[in-house]
Amino acid sequence: MTIVDWDREAVKRGLAEGSVLLIDVREPHEFAQGHIPGSISHPLSTFDLDRLQALIAEDGRRPVLSCAAGVRSARALDYAQSQGVPLTEHYLGGFKDWAASGEEIA
């Protein structure tokens, strides 16, 4: 399995430039309680690769997965790769790192 770890600064830069599609794989109630501005919700519990691939193709930005701390996003990458979907990048620190650093939360 190939995983490319992104840090907070890389995520911030990608979001600011508009080059990153940040996909939050936490559960809907977690996303509703707070999320990184600009991220979209695609929960791991209902992970639909066809829908995700369509979203990525339609959006056109570089997909980077995120979760609370990097565990679920890595699991999602593993699953996607096992199904032949070439997703490799995730925010290693996730929402916990973002919030702990005092970044804006939506």
N, C-alpha and C. Protein backbone atom coordinates (compact mmCIF):
# COMPACT_ATOMS: atom_id res chain seq x y z
N MET A 1 0.84 -1.18 0.00
CA MET A 1 0.00 0.00 0.00
C MET A 1 0.89 1.25 0.00
N THR A 2 0.49 2.21 -0.79
CA THR A 2 1.20 3.48 -0.87
C THR A 2 0.39 4.56 -0.18
N ILE A 3 1.02 5.24 0.79
CA ILE A 3 0.37 6.35 1.47
C ILE A 3 1.33 7.53 1.49
N VAL A 4 0.82 8.67 1.08
CA VAL A 4 1.58 9.91 1.14
C VAL A 4 0.96 10.76 2.25
N ASP A 5 1.75 11.04 3.28
CA ASP A 5 1.28 11.82 4.41
C ASP A 5 1.41 13.32 4.13
N TRP A 6 0.33 14.03 4.31
CA TRP A 6 0.34 15.49 4.23
C TRP A 6 0.34 16.04 5.64
N ASP A 7 1.00 17.18 5.84
CA ASP A 7 0.94 17.85 7.12
C ASP A 7 -0.01 19.04 7.02
N ARG A 8 -0.24 19.70 8.15
CA ARG A 8 -1.20 20.80 8.20
C ARG A 8 -0.86 21.92 7.22
N GLU A 9 0.40 22.27 7.13
CA GLU A 9 0.80 23.37 6.24
C GLU A 9 0.51 23.04 4.77
N ALA A 10 0.75 21.80 4.37
CA ALA A 10 0.47 21.40 2.99
C ALA A 10 -1.03 21.44 2.72
N VAL A 11 -1.83 20.99 3.69
CA VAL A 11 -3.30 21.04 3.55
C VAL A 11 -3.77 22.49 3.46
N LYS A 12 -3.28 23.33 4.36
CA LYS A 12 -3.66 24.76 4.34
C LYS A 12 -3.32 25.39 2.99
N ARG A 13 -2.12 25.13 2.50
CA ARG A 13 -1.68 25.69 1.23
C ARG A 13 -2.59 25.20 0.08
N GLY A 14 -2.86 23.91 0.05
CA GLY A 14 -3.71 23.34 -1.00
C GLY A 14 -5.12 23.90 -0.97
N LEU A 15 -5.67 24.07 0.22
CA LEU A 15 -7.01 24.64 0.34
C LEU A 15 -7.01 26.11 -0.08
N ALA A 16 -5.98 26.85 0.35
CA ALA A 16 -5.90 28.28 0.00
C ALA A 16 -5.74 28.48 -1.51
N GLU A 17 -4.96 27.62 -2.14
CA GLU A 17 -4.74 27.70 -3.59
C GLU A 17 -5.93 27.17 -4.39
N GLY A 18 -6.79 26.40 -3.71
CA GLY A 18 -7.91 25.78 -4.41
C GLY A 18 -7.52 24.55 -5.21
N SER A 19 -6.38 23.95 -4.86
CA SER A 19 -5.89 22.80 -5.61
C SER A 19 -6.23 21.46 -4.97
N VAL A 20 -6.77 21.50 -3.73
CA VAL A 20 -7.03 20.27 -2.98
C VAL A 20 -8.52 20.10 -2.70
N LEU A 21 -8.98 18.88 -2.91
CA LEU A 21 -10.32 18.46 -2.50
C LEU A 21 -10.12 17.65 -1.23
N LEU A 22 -10.40 18.24 -0.08
CA LEU A 22 -10.20 17.57 1.20
C LEU A 22 -11.45 16.77 1.54
N ILE A 23 -11.30 15.46 1.62
CA ILE A 23 -12.41 14.54 1.81
C ILE A 23 -12.33 13.97 3.23
N ASP A 24 -13.28 14.35 4.06
CA ASP A 24 -13.33 13.96 5.47
C ASP A 24 -14.10 12.65 5.59
N VAL A 25 -13.43 11.59 6.06
CA VAL A 25 -14.08 10.27 6.15
C VAL A 25 -14.63 9.97 7.55
N ARG A 26 -14.67 11.00 8.42
CA ARG A 26 -15.29 10.80 9.73
C ARG A 26 -16.80 10.64 9.57
N GLU A 27 -17.44 10.22 10.62
CA GLU A 27 -18.89 10.01 10.59
C GLU A 27 -19.64 11.35 10.53
N PRO A 28 -20.87 11.35 10.01
CA PRO A 28 -21.62 12.60 9.85
C PRO A 28 -21.74 13.42 11.13
N HIS A 29 -21.96 12.77 12.28
CA HIS A 29 -22.09 13.53 13.53
C HIS A 29 -20.76 14.20 13.90
N GLU A 30 -19.64 13.57 13.59
CA GLU A 30 -18.34 14.19 13.85
C GLU A 30 -18.12 15.40 12.95
N PHE A 31 -18.45 15.24 11.68
CA PHE A 31 -18.31 16.32 10.71
C PHE A 31 -19.19 17.50 11.12
N ALA A 32 -20.42 17.21 11.57
CA ALA A 32 -21.35 18.27 11.97
C ALA A 32 -20.85 19.03 13.21
N GLN A 33 -20.12 18.36 14.09
CA GLN A 33 -19.60 18.99 15.30
C GLN A 33 -18.42 19.92 15.01
N GLY A 34 -17.83 19.80 13.85
CA GLY A 34 -16.72 20.65 13.46
C GLY A 34 -15.88 19.98 12.39
N HIS A 35 -15.47 20.77 11.42
CA HIS A 35 -14.65 20.23 10.34
C HIS A 35 -13.75 21.31 9.77
N ILE A 36 -12.80 20.90 8.98
CA ILE A 36 -11.88 21.83 8.35
C ILE A 36 -12.65 22.57 7.25
N PRO A 37 -12.62 23.90 7.26
CA PRO A 37 -13.34 24.67 6.24
C PRO A 37 -12.91 24.24 4.84
N GLY A 38 -13.90 24.01 4.00
CA GLY A 38 -13.62 23.60 2.62
C GLY A 38 -13.62 22.10 2.42
N SER A 39 -13.64 21.33 3.52
CA SER A 39 -13.66 19.88 3.38
C SER A 39 -15.08 19.41 3.08
N ILE A 40 -15.18 18.21 2.50
CA ILE A 40 -16.48 17.61 2.24
C ILE A 40 -16.57 16.29 3.01
N SER A 41 -17.78 15.89 3.34
CA SER A 41 -17.99 14.67 4.10
C SER A 41 -18.24 13.48 3.18
N HIS A 42 -17.50 12.41 3.43
CA HIS A 42 -17.69 11.12 2.74
C HIS A 42 -17.33 10.03 3.75
N PRO A 43 -18.27 9.68 4.65
CA PRO A 43 -17.98 8.80 5.78
C PRO A 43 -17.46 7.42 5.40
N LEU A 44 -16.50 6.96 6.17
CA LEU A 44 -15.93 5.64 5.95
C LEU A 44 -16.98 4.54 6.13
N SER A 45 -17.94 4.73 7.03
CA SER A 45 -18.95 3.70 7.29
C SER A 45 -19.84 3.43 6.08
N THR A 46 -19.94 4.40 5.19
CA THR A 46 -20.75 4.22 3.97
C THR A 46 -19.89 4.53 2.74
N PHE A 47 -18.63 4.15 2.80
CA PHE A 47 -17.64 4.48 1.77
C PHE A 47 -18.04 3.87 0.43
N ASP A 48 -18.42 4.72 -0.48
CA ASP A 48 -18.87 4.30 -1.81
C ASP A 48 -17.83 4.77 -2.82
N LEU A 49 -17.01 3.84 -3.31
CA LEU A 49 -15.94 4.20 -4.22
C LEU A 49 -16.43 4.76 -5.55
N ASP A 50 -17.53 4.23 -6.06
CA ASP A 50 -18.06 4.75 -7.33
C ASP A 50 -18.47 6.22 -7.17
N ARG A 51 -19.18 6.51 -6.09
CA ARG A 51 -19.61 7.88 -5.84
C ARG A 51 -18.41 8.79 -5.59
N LEU A 52 -17.42 8.28 -4.86
CA LEU A 52 -16.22 9.06 -4.59
C LEU A 52 -15.44 9.35 -5.87
N GLN A 53 -15.28 8.36 -6.72
CA GLN A 53 -14.56 8.57 -7.98
C GLN A 53 -15.30 9.57 -8.86
N ALA A 54 -16.61 9.50 -8.89
CA ALA A 54 -17.39 10.46 -9.69
C ALA A 54 -17.21 11.87 -9.14
N LEU A 55 -17.23 12.00 -7.83
CA LEU A 55 -17.03 13.30 -7.19
C LEU A 55 -15.66 13.87 -7.53
N ILE A 56 -14.63 13.04 -7.43
CA ILE A 56 -13.26 13.47 -7.72
C ILE A 56 -13.13 13.88 -9.18
N ALA A 57 -13.70 13.08 -10.08
CA ALA A 57 -13.63 13.38 -11.51
C ALA A 57 -14.35 14.69 -11.84
N GLU A 58 -15.51 14.88 -11.24
CA GLU A 58 -16.29 16.09 -11.47
C GLU A 58 -15.60 17.33 -10.90
N ASP A 59 -14.99 17.18 -9.73
CA ASP A 59 -14.36 18.31 -9.06
C ASP A 59 -13.05 18.73 -9.73
N GLY A 60 -12.21 17.76 -10.04
CA GLY A 60 -10.97 18.05 -10.74
C GLY A 60 -9.77 18.41 -9.87
N ARG A 61 -10.00 18.65 -8.58
CA ARG A 61 -8.88 18.97 -7.70
C ARG A 61 -8.22 17.69 -7.19
N ARG A 62 -7.06 17.85 -6.60
CA ARG A 62 -6.29 16.73 -6.06
C ARG A 62 -6.97 16.21 -4.79
N PRO A 63 -7.37 14.94 -4.76
CA PRO A 63 -8.05 14.41 -3.57
C PRO A 63 -7.08 14.07 -2.44
N VAL A 64 -7.40 14.57 -1.26
CA VAL A 64 -6.64 14.26 -0.04
C VAL A 64 -7.66 13.87 1.01
N LEU A 65 -7.50 12.67 1.58
CA LEU A 65 -8.44 12.21 2.60
C LEU A 65 -8.02 12.71 3.98
N SER A 66 -9.00 12.84 4.85
CA SER A 66 -8.76 13.32 6.21
C SER A 66 -9.73 12.63 7.15
N CYS A 67 -9.34 12.53 8.41
CA CYS A 67 -10.24 12.00 9.45
C CYS A 67 -9.89 12.70 10.75
N ALA A 68 -10.04 12.03 11.87
CA ALA A 68 -9.72 12.66 13.15
C ALA A 68 -8.21 12.77 13.36
N ALA A 69 -7.48 11.67 13.09
CA ALA A 69 -6.04 11.68 13.37
C ALA A 69 -5.20 10.94 12.33
N GLY A 70 -5.82 10.41 11.29
CA GLY A 70 -5.07 9.74 10.23
C GLY A 70 -5.29 8.25 10.12
N VAL A 71 -5.97 7.64 11.09
CA VAL A 71 -6.17 6.19 11.07
C VAL A 71 -7.23 5.80 10.05
N ARG A 72 -8.40 6.42 10.12
CA ARG A 72 -9.48 6.06 9.18
C ARG A 72 -9.16 6.47 7.76
N SER A 73 -8.48 7.60 7.59
CA SER A 73 -8.14 8.00 6.22
C SER A 73 -7.14 7.01 5.61
N ALA A 74 -6.21 6.49 6.42
CA ALA A 74 -5.28 5.47 5.93
C ALA A 74 -6.04 4.19 5.59
N ARG A 75 -7.02 3.83 6.41
CA ARG A 75 -7.85 2.65 6.15
C ARG A 75 -8.63 2.82 4.84
N ALA A 76 -9.15 4.01 4.62
CA ALA A 76 -9.88 4.30 3.38
C ALA A 76 -8.95 4.20 2.17
N LEU A 77 -7.74 4.70 2.31
CA LEU A 77 -6.76 4.59 1.22
C LEU A 77 -6.44 3.13 0.92
N ASP A 78 -6.25 2.35 1.97
CA ASP A 78 -5.97 0.92 1.81
C ASP A 78 -7.10 0.23 1.05
N TYR A 79 -8.33 0.51 1.46
CA TYR A 79 -9.48 -0.09 0.78
C TYR A 79 -9.55 0.35 -0.67
N ALA A 80 -9.41 1.65 -0.92
CA ALA A 80 -9.49 2.16 -2.30
C ALA A 80 -8.43 1.49 -3.17
N GLN A 81 -7.20 1.42 -2.66
CA GLN A 81 -6.13 0.82 -3.44
C GLN A 81 -6.38 -0.67 -3.69
N SER A 82 -6.97 -1.36 -2.72
CA SER A 82 -7.26 -2.78 -2.89
C SER A 82 -8.32 -3.02 -3.97
N GLN A 83 -9.10 -1.97 -4.25
CA GLN A 83 -10.14 -2.04 -5.29
C GLN A 83 -9.67 -1.42 -6.61
N GLY A 84 -8.38 -1.08 -6.69
CA GLY A 84 -7.81 -0.55 -7.92
C GLY A 84 -7.96 0.94 -8.12
N VAL A 85 -8.38 1.65 -7.07
CA VAL A 85 -8.54 3.10 -7.15
C VAL A 85 -7.25 3.76 -6.66
N PRO A 86 -6.61 4.57 -7.49
CA PRO A 86 -5.28 5.09 -7.16
C PRO A 86 -5.27 6.31 -6.23
N LEU A 87 -5.93 6.23 -5.09
CA LEU A 87 -5.85 7.28 -4.09
C LEU A 87 -4.65 6.99 -3.19
N THR A 88 -3.86 8.01 -2.87
CA THR A 88 -2.66 7.77 -2.07
C THR A 88 -2.43 8.79 -0.96
N GLU A 89 -3.11 9.93 -0.98
CA GLU A 89 -2.75 11.03 -0.08
C GLU A 89 -3.77 11.26 1.03
N HIS A 90 -3.23 11.53 2.23
CA HIS A 90 -4.10 11.85 3.35
C HIS A 90 -3.40 12.81 4.30
N TYR A 91 -4.21 13.51 5.10
CA TYR A 91 -3.73 14.44 6.13
C TYR A 91 -3.46 13.62 7.37
N LEU A 92 -2.19 13.39 7.64
CA LEU A 92 -1.80 12.51 8.74
C LEU A 92 -2.33 12.97 10.09
N GLY A 93 -2.28 14.24 10.40
CA GLY A 93 -2.74 14.73 11.70
C GLY A 93 -4.24 14.86 11.81
N GLY A 94 -4.89 15.04 10.68
CA GLY A 94 -6.34 15.14 10.65
C GLY A 94 -6.93 16.28 11.45
N PHE A 95 -8.22 16.16 11.71
CA PHE A 95 -8.96 17.22 12.38
C PHE A 95 -8.38 17.55 13.76
N LYS A 96 -7.91 16.55 14.49
CA LYS A 96 -7.36 16.81 15.83
C LYS A 96 -6.15 17.73 15.75
N ASP A 97 -5.28 17.50 14.78
CA ASP A 97 -4.11 18.36 14.60
C ASP A 97 -4.54 19.76 14.21
N TRP A 98 -5.50 19.84 13.29
CA TRP A 98 -6.00 21.13 12.81
C TRP A 98 -6.57 21.95 13.97
N ALA A 99 -7.45 21.33 14.75
CA ALA A 99 -8.12 22.04 15.84
C ALA A 99 -7.12 22.39 16.96
N ALA A 100 -6.21 21.48 17.28
CA ALA A 100 -5.25 21.72 18.36
C ALA A 100 -4.29 22.87 18.03
N SER A 101 -4.10 23.12 16.74
CA SER A 101 -3.18 24.20 16.34
C SER A 101 -3.88 25.56 16.31
N GLY A 102 -5.19 25.56 16.56
CA GLY A 102 -5.92 26.81 16.60
C GLY A 102 -6.42 27.29 15.24
N GLU A 103 -6.39 26.40 14.25
CA GLU A 103 -6.89 26.77 12.92
C GLU A 103 -8.41 26.96 12.98
N GLU A 104 -8.94 27.69 12.00
CA GLU A 104 -10.38 27.92 11.91
C GLU A 104 -11.12 26.59 11.73
N ILE A 105 -12.26 26.50 12.37
CA ILE A 105 -13.10 25.30 12.27
C ILE A 105 -14.48 25.74 11.78
N ALA A 106 -15.01 24.97 10.85
CA ALA A 106 -16.36 25.27 10.33
C ALA A 106 -17.39 24.46 11.10
